[in-house]
């Protein structure tokens, strides 16, 4: 039995196409009922309720992305005859849905979205943001560097310290004292000596 394409206005499988020497692959409708419903909705036939297992859709109604190429022949003698080239067969992906309908209204042939470039704008924005943060951190740390005791002393003057802290500056070190003033006699609770090397 010669199969014909079930898409309205498609001539694949008809005598006129065969006379011109065109041979196109015809694909059976999927066994999965949900996917089959999508195919039936896509081809937009009026007699959709009369679907039979003989219905087919030709390769013209699928995008190139709907196909996969698989190696079929692994027979060593035949591979040698083809100079080591493997025979690849074009197969329709199991999730493919027909979406190209020439000669029908344009809304029946949805345009596939164009692939975004590998360097997406969001990726470049993220990289620029990371560079900006890194530059900001470097400036911040450079401004916070302490080169000697006098530099530390100047930075401490502008710092807000608790009232219980006392800073004692000497030529080669600075002493931080935490004093308990709640008692009659103040006492040192802790101390830190910072010496520049």
C-alpha atoms as a PDB file:
ATOM      1  CA  UNK A   1       0.000   0.000   0.000  1.00  0.00           C
ATOM      2  CA  UNK A   2       1.410   3.370  -0.983  1.00  0.00           C
ATOM      3  CA  UNK A   3       1.097   5.881   1.837  1.00  0.00           C
ATOM      4  CA  UNK A   4       0.286   9.532   1.252  1.00  0.00           C
ATOM      5  CA  UNK A   5       0.913  12.573   3.411  1.00  0.00           C
ATOM      6  CA  UNK A   6      -2.180  13.399   5.486  1.00  0.00           C
ATOM      7  CA  UNK A   7      -1.483  17.136   5.646  1.00  0.00           C
ATOM      8  CA  UNK A   8      -4.052  19.100   3.608  1.00  0.00           C
ATOM      9  CA  UNK A   9      -2.720  20.331   0.223  1.00  0.00           C
ATOM     10  CA  UNK A  10       0.461  18.213   0.474  1.00  0.00           C
ATOM     11  CA  UNK A  11       1.089  16.031  -2.597  1.00  0.00           C
ATOM     12  CA  UNK A  12       3.739  13.685  -1.139  1.00  0.00           C
ATOM     13  CA  UNK A  13       2.887  10.096  -2.041  1.00  0.00           C
ATOM     14  CA  UNK A  14       0.479  11.051  -4.829  1.00  0.00           C
ATOM     15  CA  UNK A  15       1.055  10.007  -8.435  1.00  0.00           C
ATOM     16  CA  UNK A  16       2.000  13.532  -9.569  1.00  0.00           C
ATOM     17  CA  UNK A  17       4.874  13.635  -7.056  1.00  0.00           C
ATOM     18  CA  UNK A  18       6.043  10.129  -7.967  1.00  0.00           C
ATOM     19  CA  UNK A  19       6.201  11.072 -11.662  1.00  0.00           C
ATOM     20  CA  UNK A  20       8.535  13.949 -10.853  1.00  0.00           C
ATOM     21  CA  UNK A  21      10.851  11.507  -9.066  1.00  0.00           C
ATOM     22  CA  UNK A  22      10.482  12.971  -5.592  1.00  0.00           C
ATOM     23  CA  UNK A  23      10.744  10.428  -2.800  1.00  0.00           C
ATOM     24  CA  UNK A  24      10.235  11.773   0.699  1.00  0.00           C
ATOM     25  CA  UNK A  25      10.113   9.906   3.955  1.00  0.00           C
ATOM     26  CA  UNK A  26       6.676   9.482   5.482  1.00  0.00           C
ATOM     27  CA  UNK A  27       6.308   9.119   9.251  1.00  0.00           C
ATOM     28  CA  UNK A  28       3.554   7.301  11.069  1.00  0.00           C
ATOM     29  CA  UNK A  29       1.635   9.066  13.812  1.00  0.00           C
ATOM     30  CA  UNK A  30       2.990   8.427  17.323  1.00  0.00           C
ATOM     31  CA  UNK A  31       1.583   5.647  19.502  1.00  0.00           C
ATOM     32  CA  UNK A  32       1.540   7.990  22.503  1.00  0.00           C
ATOM     33  CA  UNK A  33      -2.011   9.398  22.553  1.00  0.00           C
ATOM     34  CA  UNK A  34      -1.079  12.863  23.860  1.00  0.00           C
ATOM     35  CA  UNK A  35       1.636  13.297  21.221  1.00  0.00           C
ATOM     36  CA  UNK A  36      -0.736  11.950  18.544  1.00  0.00           C
ATOM     37  CA  UNK A  37      -3.335  14.576  19.581  1.00  0.00           C
ATOM     38  CA  UNK A  38      -0.661  17.276  19.139  1.00  0.00           C
ATOM     39  CA  UNK A  39       0.113  15.976  15.644  1.00  0.00           C
ATOM     40  CA  UNK A  40      -3.588  15.926  14.717  1.00  0.00           C
ATOM     41  CA  UNK A  41      -4.080  19.453  16.038  1.00  0.00           C
ATOM     42  CA  UNK A  42      -0.974  20.613  14.141  1.00  0.00           C
ATOM     43  CA  UNK A  43      -2.011  19.279  10.709  1.00  0.00           C
ATOM     44  CA  UNK A  44      -5.448  20.935  11.093  1.00  0.00           C
ATOM     45  CA  UNK A  45      -7.593  18.498   9.107  1.00  0.00           C
ATOM     46  CA  UNK A  46     -11.363  18.884   9.141  1.00  0.00           C
ATOM     47  CA  UNK A  47     -11.918  15.095   9.318  1.00  0.00           C
ATOM     48  CA  UNK A  48      -9.684  14.637  12.363  1.00  0.00           C
ATOM     49  CA  UNK A  49     -12.269  12.305  13.926  1.00  0.00           C
ATOM     50  CA  UNK A  50     -11.731   9.834  11.030  1.00  0.00           C
ATOM     51  CA  UNK A  51      -8.040   9.230  11.915  1.00  0.00           C
ATOM     52  CA  UNK A  52      -6.714   5.772  10.975  1.00  0.00           C
ATOM     53  CA  UNK A  53      -3.357   4.041  11.451  1.00  0.00           C
ATOM     54  CA  UNK A  54      -2.680   4.611   7.730  1.00  0.00           C
ATOM     55  CA  UNK A  55      -2.237   8.350   8.146  1.00  0.00           C
ATOM     56  CA  UNK A  56       1.311   9.618   7.614  1.00  0.00           C
ATOM     57  CA  UNK A  57       3.149  12.954   7.641  1.00  0.00           C
ATOM     58  CA  UNK A  58       6.050  13.593   5.271  1.00  0.00           C
ATOM     59  CA  UNK A  59       9.473  15.042   6.132  1.00  0.00           C
ATOM     60  CA  UNK A  60       8.570  18.410   4.545  1.00  0.00           C
ATOM     61  CA  UNK A  61       6.506  19.294   7.612  1.00  0.00           C
ATOM     62  CA  UNK A  62       9.356  19.004  10.126  1.00  0.00           C
ATOM     63  CA  UNK A  63      12.258  21.325  10.898  1.00  0.00           C
ATOM     64  CA  UNK A  64      15.834  20.064  10.592  1.00  0.00           C
ATOM     65  CA  UNK A  65      16.103  20.215  14.409  1.00  0.00           C
ATOM     66  CA  UNK A  66      13.369  17.540  14.592  1.00  0.00           C
ATOM     67  CA  UNK A  67      15.727  14.908  13.146  1.00  0.00           C
ATOM     68  CA  UNK A  68      18.679  12.970  14.501  1.00  0.00           C
ATOM     69  CA  UNK A  69      21.287  11.071  12.495  1.00  0.00           C
ATOM     70  CA  UNK A  70      22.115   7.596  13.782  1.00  0.00           C
ATOM     71  CA  UNK A  71      24.629   5.057  12.597  1.00  0.00           C
ATOM     72  CA  UNK A  72      22.868   1.953  11.273  1.00  0.00           C
ATOM     73  CA  UNK A  73      25.370  -0.332   9.568  1.00  0.00           C
ATOM     74  CA  UNK A  74      28.257  -1.772  11.563  1.00  0.00           C
ATOM     75  CA  UNK A  75      29.138  -4.627   9.147  1.00  0.00           C
ATOM     76  CA  UNK A  76      32.923  -4.440   8.639  1.00  0.00           C
ATOM     77  CA  UNK A  77      32.904  -5.549   4.965  1.00  0.00           C
ATOM     78  CA  UNK A  78      30.338  -2.913   3.980  1.00  0.00           C
ATOM     79  CA  UNK A  79      32.185  -0.204   5.932  1.00  0.00           C
ATOM     80  CA  UNK A  80      35.352  -1.092   3.987  1.00  0.00           C
ATOM     81  CA  UNK A  81      33.410  -0.725   0.727  1.00  0.00           C
ATOM     82  CA  UNK A  82      32.398   2.780   1.821  1.00  0.00           C
ATOM     83  CA  UNK A  83      36.044   3.685   2.657  1.00  0.00           C
ATOM     84  CA  UNK A  84      35.421   3.577   6.398  1.00  0.00           C
ATOM     85  CA  UNK A  85      32.505   5.987   6.335  1.00  0.00           C
ATOM     86  CA  UNK A  86      29.653   4.983   8.628  1.00  0.00           C
ATOM     87  CA  UNK A  87      26.168   4.873   7.195  1.00  0.00           C
ATOM     88  CA  UNK A  88      23.941   7.339   9.016  1.00  0.00           C
ATOM     89  CA  UNK A  89      20.174   7.244   8.867  1.00  0.00           C
ATOM     90  CA  UNK A  90      17.993  10.301   9.375  1.00  0.00           C
ATOM     91  CA  UNK A  91      15.430   9.512  12.084  1.00  0.00           C
ATOM     92  CA  UNK A  92      12.618  11.630  13.455  1.00  0.00           C
ATOM     93  CA  UNK A  93      12.962  12.505  17.142  1.00  0.00           C
ATOM     94  CA  UNK A  94      10.303  10.924  19.333  1.00  0.00           C
ATOM     95  CA  UNK A  95       9.137  14.328  20.621  1.00  0.00           C
ATOM     96  CA  UNK A  96       8.908  16.032  17.194  1.00  0.00           C
ATOM     97  CA  UNK A  97       5.653  17.667  16.108  1.00  0.00           C
ATOM     98  CA  UNK A  98       4.940  18.716  12.496  1.00  0.00           C
ATOM     99  CA  UNK A  99       5.114  22.507  12.230  1.00  0.00           C
ATOM    100  CA  UNK A 100       5.816  23.479   8.589  1.00  0.00           C
ATOM    101  CA  UNK A 101       2.733  23.816   6.403  1.00  0.00           C
ATOM    102  CA  UNK A 102       3.404  25.415   3.004  1.00  0.00           C
ATOM    103  CA  UNK A 103       0.397  26.732   1.132  1.00  0.00           C
ATOM    104  CA  UNK A 104      -1.614  27.171   4.339  1.00  0.00           C
ATOM    105  CA  UNK A 105      -2.231  30.231   6.500  1.00  0.00           C
ATOM    106  CA  UNK A 106       0.962  31.463   8.185  1.00  0.00           C
ATOM    107  CA  UNK A 107      -0.445  30.981  11.710  1.00  0.00           C
ATOM    108  CA  UNK A 108      -0.378  27.207  11.126  1.00  0.00           C
ATOM    109  CA  UNK A 109       3.401  27.264  10.612  1.00  0.00           C
ATOM    110  CA  UNK A 110       4.873  28.708  13.789  1.00  0.00           C
ATOM    111  CA  UNK A 111       8.304  30.226  13.390  1.00  0.00           C
ATOM    112  CA  UNK A 112      10.894  28.506  15.555  1.00  0.00           C
ATOM    113  CA  UNK A 113      12.610  30.863  17.975  1.00  0.00           C
ATOM    114  CA  UNK A 114      16.098  31.766  16.865  1.00  0.00           C
ATOM    115  CA  UNK A 115      18.868  30.321  18.962  1.00  0.00           C
ATOM    116  CA  UNK A 116      20.508  32.776  21.291  1.00  0.00           C
ATOM    117  CA  UNK A 117      24.243  33.251  20.925  1.00  0.00           C
ATOM    118  CA  UNK A 118      26.376  31.221  23.278  1.00  0.00           C
ATOM    119  CA  UNK A 119      27.562  34.398  24.982  1.00  0.00           C
ATOM    120  CA  UNK A 120      24.197  35.515  26.261  1.00  0.00           C
ATOM    121  CA  UNK A 121      23.676  39.046  27.467  1.00  0.00           C
ATOM    122  CA  UNK A 122      22.849  37.847  30.976  1.00  0.00           C
ATOM    123  CA  UNK A 123      26.194  36.042  31.167  1.00  0.00           C
ATOM    124  CA  UNK A 124      28.112  39.134  30.050  1.00  0.00           C
ATOM    125  CA  UNK A 125      26.131  41.294  32.506  1.00  0.00           C
ATOM    126  CA  UNK A 126      27.052  38.902  35.311  1.00  0.00           C
ATOM    127  CA  UNK A 127      30.733  38.990  34.343  1.00  0.00           C
ATOM    128  CA  UNK A 128      30.708  42.818  34.209  1.00  0.00           C
ATOM    129  CA  UNK A 129      29.002  42.984  37.608  1.00  0.00           C
ATOM    130  CA  UNK A 130      31.613  40.634  39.112  1.00  0.00           C
ATOM    131  CA  UNK A 131      34.447  42.760  37.668  1.00  0.00           C
ATOM    132  CA  UNK A 132      32.858  45.916  39.086  1.00  0.00           C
ATOM    133  CA  UNK A 133      32.533  44.314  42.559  1.00  0.00           C
ATOM    134  CA  UNK A 134      36.126  43.093  42.422  1.00  0.00           C
ATOM    135  CA  UNK A 135      37.341  46.600  41.481  1.00  0.00           C
ATOM    136  CA  UNK A 136      35.264  48.138  44.296  1.00  0.00           C
ATOM    137  CA  UNK A 137      36.708  45.651  46.842  1.00  0.00           C
ATOM    138  CA  UNK A 138      40.254  46.424  45.709  1.00  0.00           C
ATOM    139  CA  UNK A 139      39.648  50.181  46.139  1.00  0.00           C
ATOM    140  CA  UNK A 140      38.048  49.608  49.540  1.00  0.00           C
ATOM    141  CA  UNK A 141      40.907  47.445  50.821  1.00  0.00           C
ATOM    142  CA  UNK A 142      43.498  49.855  49.424  1.00  0.00           C
ATOM    143  CA  UNK A 143      41.859  52.693  51.358  1.00  0.00           C
ATOM    144  CA  UNK A 144      41.805  50.613  54.542  1.00  0.00           C
ATOM    145  CA  UNK A 145      45.460  49.553  54.459  1.00  0.00           C
ATOM    146  CA  UNK A 146      47.567  50.613  57.441  1.00  0.00           C
ATOM    147  CA  UNK A 147      51.210  51.332  56.748  1.00  0.00           C
ATOM    148  CA  UNK A 148      52.526  52.377  60.161  1.00  0.00           C
ATOM    149  CA  UNK A 149      51.514  53.281  63.763  1.00  0.00           C
ATOM    150  CA  UNK A 150      50.769  56.909  62.854  1.00  0.00           C
ATOM    151  CA  UNK A 151      48.470  55.750  60.034  1.00  0.00           C
ATOM    152  CA  UNK A 152      46.597  53.466  62.476  1.00  0.00           C
ATOM    153  CA  UNK A 153      46.346  56.277  65.012  1.00  0.00           C
ATOM    154  CA  UNK A 154      44.819  58.624  62.407  1.00  0.00           C
ATOM    155  CA  UNK A 155      42.252  56.001  61.342  1.00  0.00           C
ATOM    156  CA  UNK A 156      41.305  55.342  64.982  1.00  0.00           C
ATOM    157  CA  UNK A 157      40.586  59.054  65.544  1.00  0.00           C
ATOM    158  CA  UNK A 158      37.800  58.907  62.979  1.00  0.00           C
ATOM    159  CA  UNK A 159      36.497  55.541  64.259  1.00  0.00           C
ATOM    160  CA  UNK A 160      33.628  55.286  66.729  1.00  0.00           C
ATOM    161  CA  UNK A 161      34.735  53.205  69.705  1.00  0.00           C
ATOM    162  CA  UNK A 162      32.774  52.254  72.833  1.00  0.00           C
ATOM    163  CA  UNK A 163      33.288  54.593  75.793  1.00  0.00           C
ATOM    164  CA  UNK A 164      34.872  51.778  77.817  1.00  0.00           C
ATOM    165  CA  UNK A 165      37.859  51.625  75.439  1.00  0.00           C
ATOM    166  CA  UNK A 166      41.038  53.586  75.951  1.00  0.00           C
ATOM    167  CA  UNK A 167      43.753  53.872  73.322  1.00  0.00           C
ATOM    168  CA  UNK A 168      47.352  54.484  74.396  1.00  0.00           C
ATOM    169  CA  UNK A 169      49.776  55.384  71.601  1.00  0.00           C
ATOM    170  CA  UNK A 170      53.523  54.960  71.872  1.00  0.00           C
ATOM    171  CA  UNK A 171      56.262  55.249  69.231  1.00  0.00           C
ATOM    172  CA  UNK A 172      56.319  51.561  68.285  1.00  0.00           C
ATOM    173  CA  UNK A 173      52.915  50.271  69.393  1.00  0.00           C
ATOM    174  CA  UNK A 174      49.316  51.099  70.261  1.00  0.00           C
ATOM    175  CA  UNK A 175      47.606  49.628  73.314  1.00  0.00           C
ATOM    176  CA  UNK A 176      43.827  49.057  73.401  1.00  0.00           C
ATOM    177  CA  UNK A 177      42.415  48.770  76.909  1.00  0.00           C
ATOM    178  CA  UNK A 178      38.898  47.673  77.802  1.00  0.00           C
ATOM    179  CA  UNK A 179      38.174  49.068  81.258  1.00  0.00           C
ATOM    180  CA  UNK A 180      35.357  48.181  83.616  1.00  0.00           C
ATOM    181  CA  UNK A 181      34.219  51.503  85.083  1.00  0.00           C
ATOM    182  CA  UNK A 182      31.128  50.141  86.847  1.00  0.00           C
ATOM    183  CA  UNK A 183      33.114  49.431  90.039  1.00  0.00           C
ATOM    184  CA  UNK A 184      34.579  51.936  92.510  1.00  0.00           C
ATOM    185  CA  UNK A 185      38.037  51.166  91.286  1.00  0.00           C
ATOM    186  CA  UNK A 186      38.275  50.834  87.478  1.00  0.00           C
ATOM    187  CA  UNK A 187      39.971  47.646  86.325  1.00  0.00           C
ATOM    188  CA  UNK A 188      41.317  46.472  82.968  1.00  0.00           C
ATOM    189  CA  UNK A 189      39.185  43.603  81.624  1.00  0.00           C
ATOM    190  CA  UNK A 190      41.198  43.048  78.467  1.00  0.00           C
ATOM    191  CA  UNK A 191      43.975  44.602  76.455  1.00  0.00           C
ATOM    192  CA  UNK A 192      45.392  44.314  72.963  1.00  0.00           C
ATOM    193  CA  UNK A 193      48.830  45.500  71.949  1.00  0.00           C
ATOM    194  CA  UNK A 194      49.306  46.287  68.252  1.00  0.00           C
ATOM    195  CA  UNK A 195      52.909  46.566  67.095  1.00  0.00           C
ATOM    196  CA  UNK A 196      53.911  47.328  63.531  1.00  0.00           C
ATOM    197  CA  UNK A 197      56.656  45.123  62.094  1.00  0.00           C
END
